[in-house]
Amino acid sequence: MPETKTLTVIQYGASPLRWSAEQVPAGLRLSHAEGTLDANGGYEQRIAVSYDGKGDGTMPGLQLRCG
């Protein structure tokens, strides 16, 4: 069953921090694959993670890299 969830990436410090998706498993789609957490966005960014509903429901985890 296809589904979409929201993931929020947060920077607790008061300095800009770049992030990027390192590994996106087959069957997942992200609304953003990279970004910068800064004062303009309140040091957070929301990412829509969509699953296509295909497969047996098991997959490796999504990996994000910050810094």
C-alpha atoms as a PDB file:
ATOM      1  CA  MET A   1       0.000   0.000   0.000  1.00  0.00           C
ATOM      2  CA  PRO A   2       1.561   3.353  -1.021  1.00  0.00           C
ATOM      3  CA  GLU A   3       2.097   5.779   1.815  1.00  0.00           C
ATOM      4  CA  THR A   4       3.727   9.163   2.557  1.00  0.00           C
ATOM      5  CA  LYS A   5       5.149  10.273   5.905  1.00  0.00           C
ATOM      6  CA  THR A   6       6.860  13.497   6.954  1.00  0.00           C
ATOM      7  CA  LEU A   7      10.388  13.464   8.366  1.00  0.00           C
ATOM      8  CA  THR A   8      11.686  16.600  10.104  1.00  0.00           C
ATOM      9  CA  VAL A   9      15.453  17.246  10.113  1.00  0.00           C
ATOM     10  CA  ILE A  10      16.469  19.616  12.939  1.00  0.00           C
ATOM     11  CA  GLN A  11      19.673  21.524  13.790  1.00  0.00           C
ATOM     12  CA  TYR A  12      19.762  22.434  17.488  1.00  0.00           C
ATOM     13  CA  GLY A  13      22.777  24.730  17.084  1.00  0.00           C
ATOM     14  CA  ALA A  14      22.588  28.304  15.850  1.00  0.00           C
ATOM     15  CA  SER A  15      24.795  27.803  12.800  1.00  0.00           C
ATOM     16  CA  PRO A  16      23.898  26.592   9.296  1.00  0.00           C
ATOM     17  CA  LEU A  17      24.229  22.853   8.662  1.00  0.00           C
ATOM     18  CA  ARG A  18      24.061  21.097   5.286  1.00  0.00           C
ATOM     19  CA  TRP A  19      22.417  17.693   4.982  1.00  0.00           C
ATOM     20  CA  SER A  20      21.971  15.206   2.136  1.00  0.00           C
ATOM     21  CA  ALA A  21      20.395  11.820   1.517  1.00  0.00           C
ATOM     22  CA  GLU A  22      23.216   9.270   1.287  1.00  0.00           C
ATOM     23  CA  GLN A  23      21.185   6.148   0.575  1.00  0.00           C
ATOM     24  CA  VAL A  24      17.596   6.093  -0.608  1.00  0.00           C
ATOM     25  CA  PRO A  25      16.282   2.523  -0.927  1.00  0.00           C
ATOM     26  CA  ALA A  26      14.359   1.486  -4.045  1.00  0.00           C
ATOM     27  CA  GLY A  27      10.674   2.158  -3.510  1.00  0.00           C
ATOM     28  CA  LEU A  28      11.206   5.400  -1.553  1.00  0.00           C
ATOM     29  CA  ARG A  29      10.998   8.918  -2.947  1.00  0.00           C
ATOM     30  CA  LEU A  30      12.022  12.098  -1.094  1.00  0.00           C
ATOM     31  CA  SER A  31      10.613  15.572  -1.636  1.00  0.00           C
ATOM     32  CA  HIS A  32      14.142  16.958  -1.001  1.00  0.00           C
ATOM     33  CA  ALA A  33      17.439  15.069  -1.344  1.00  0.00           C
ATOM     34  CA  GLU A  34      19.567  17.791   0.250  1.00  0.00           C
ATOM     35  CA  GLY A  35      19.307  21.118   1.980  1.00  0.00           C
ATOM     36  CA  THR A  36      20.694  23.562   4.523  1.00  0.00           C
ATOM     37  CA  LEU A  37      19.290  23.984   8.011  1.00  0.00           C
ATOM     38  CA  ASP A  38      19.611  27.699   8.749  1.00  0.00           C
ATOM     39  CA  ALA A  39      17.886  30.657  10.390  1.00  0.00           C
ATOM     40  CA  ASN A  40      15.664  31.238   7.328  1.00  0.00           C
ATOM     41  CA  GLY A  41      13.987  27.855   7.914  1.00  0.00           C
ATOM     42  CA  GLY A  42      14.105  27.944  11.709  1.00  0.00           C
ATOM     43  CA  TYR A  43      16.986  25.404  11.592  1.00  0.00           C
ATOM     44  CA  GLU A  44      14.655  22.664  10.404  1.00  0.00           C
ATOM     45  CA  GLN A  45      13.326  21.184   7.161  1.00  0.00           C
ATOM     46  CA  ARG A  46      10.443  18.823   6.523  1.00  0.00           C
ATOM     47  CA  ILE A  47      10.891  16.045   3.985  1.00  0.00           C
ATOM     48  CA  ALA A  48       8.022  14.027   2.535  1.00  0.00           C
ATOM     49  CA  VAL A  49       9.084  10.369   2.308  1.00  0.00           C
ATOM     50  CA  SER A  50       6.866   8.377  -0.060  1.00  0.00           C
ATOM     51  CA  TYR A  51       6.770   4.577  -0.330  1.00  0.00           C
ATOM     52  CA  ASP A  52       5.449   3.088  -3.574  1.00  0.00           C
ATOM     53  CA  GLY A  53       3.875   0.084  -1.808  1.00  0.00           C
ATOM     54  CA  LYS A  54       5.724  -2.487  -3.891  1.00  0.00           C
ATOM     55  CA  GLY A  55       7.784  -5.339  -2.473  1.00  0.00           C
ATOM     56  CA  ASP A  56       7.395  -7.261   0.757  1.00  0.00           C
ATOM     57  CA  GLY A  57       7.614  -4.182   3.014  1.00  0.00           C
ATOM     58  CA  THR A  58      11.185  -4.799   4.160  1.00  0.00           C
ATOM     59  CA  MET A  59      14.031  -2.587   2.984  1.00  0.00           C
ATOM     60  CA  PRO A  60      17.276  -1.104   4.247  1.00  0.00           C
ATOM     61  CA  GLY A  61      16.961   2.154   6.138  1.00  0.00           C
ATOM     62  CA  LEU A  62      17.117   5.632   4.683  1.00  0.00           C
ATOM     63  CA  GLN A  63      20.451   7.307   5.490  1.00  0.00           C
ATOM     64  CA  LEU A  64      20.948  11.055   5.829  1.00  0.00           C
ATOM     65  CA  ARG A  65      24.322  12.776   6.253  1.00  0.00           C
ATOM     66  CA  CYS A  66      24.694  16.040   8.134  1.00  0.00           C
ATOM     67  CA  GLY A  67      27.746  18.255   8.117  1.00  0.00           C
END
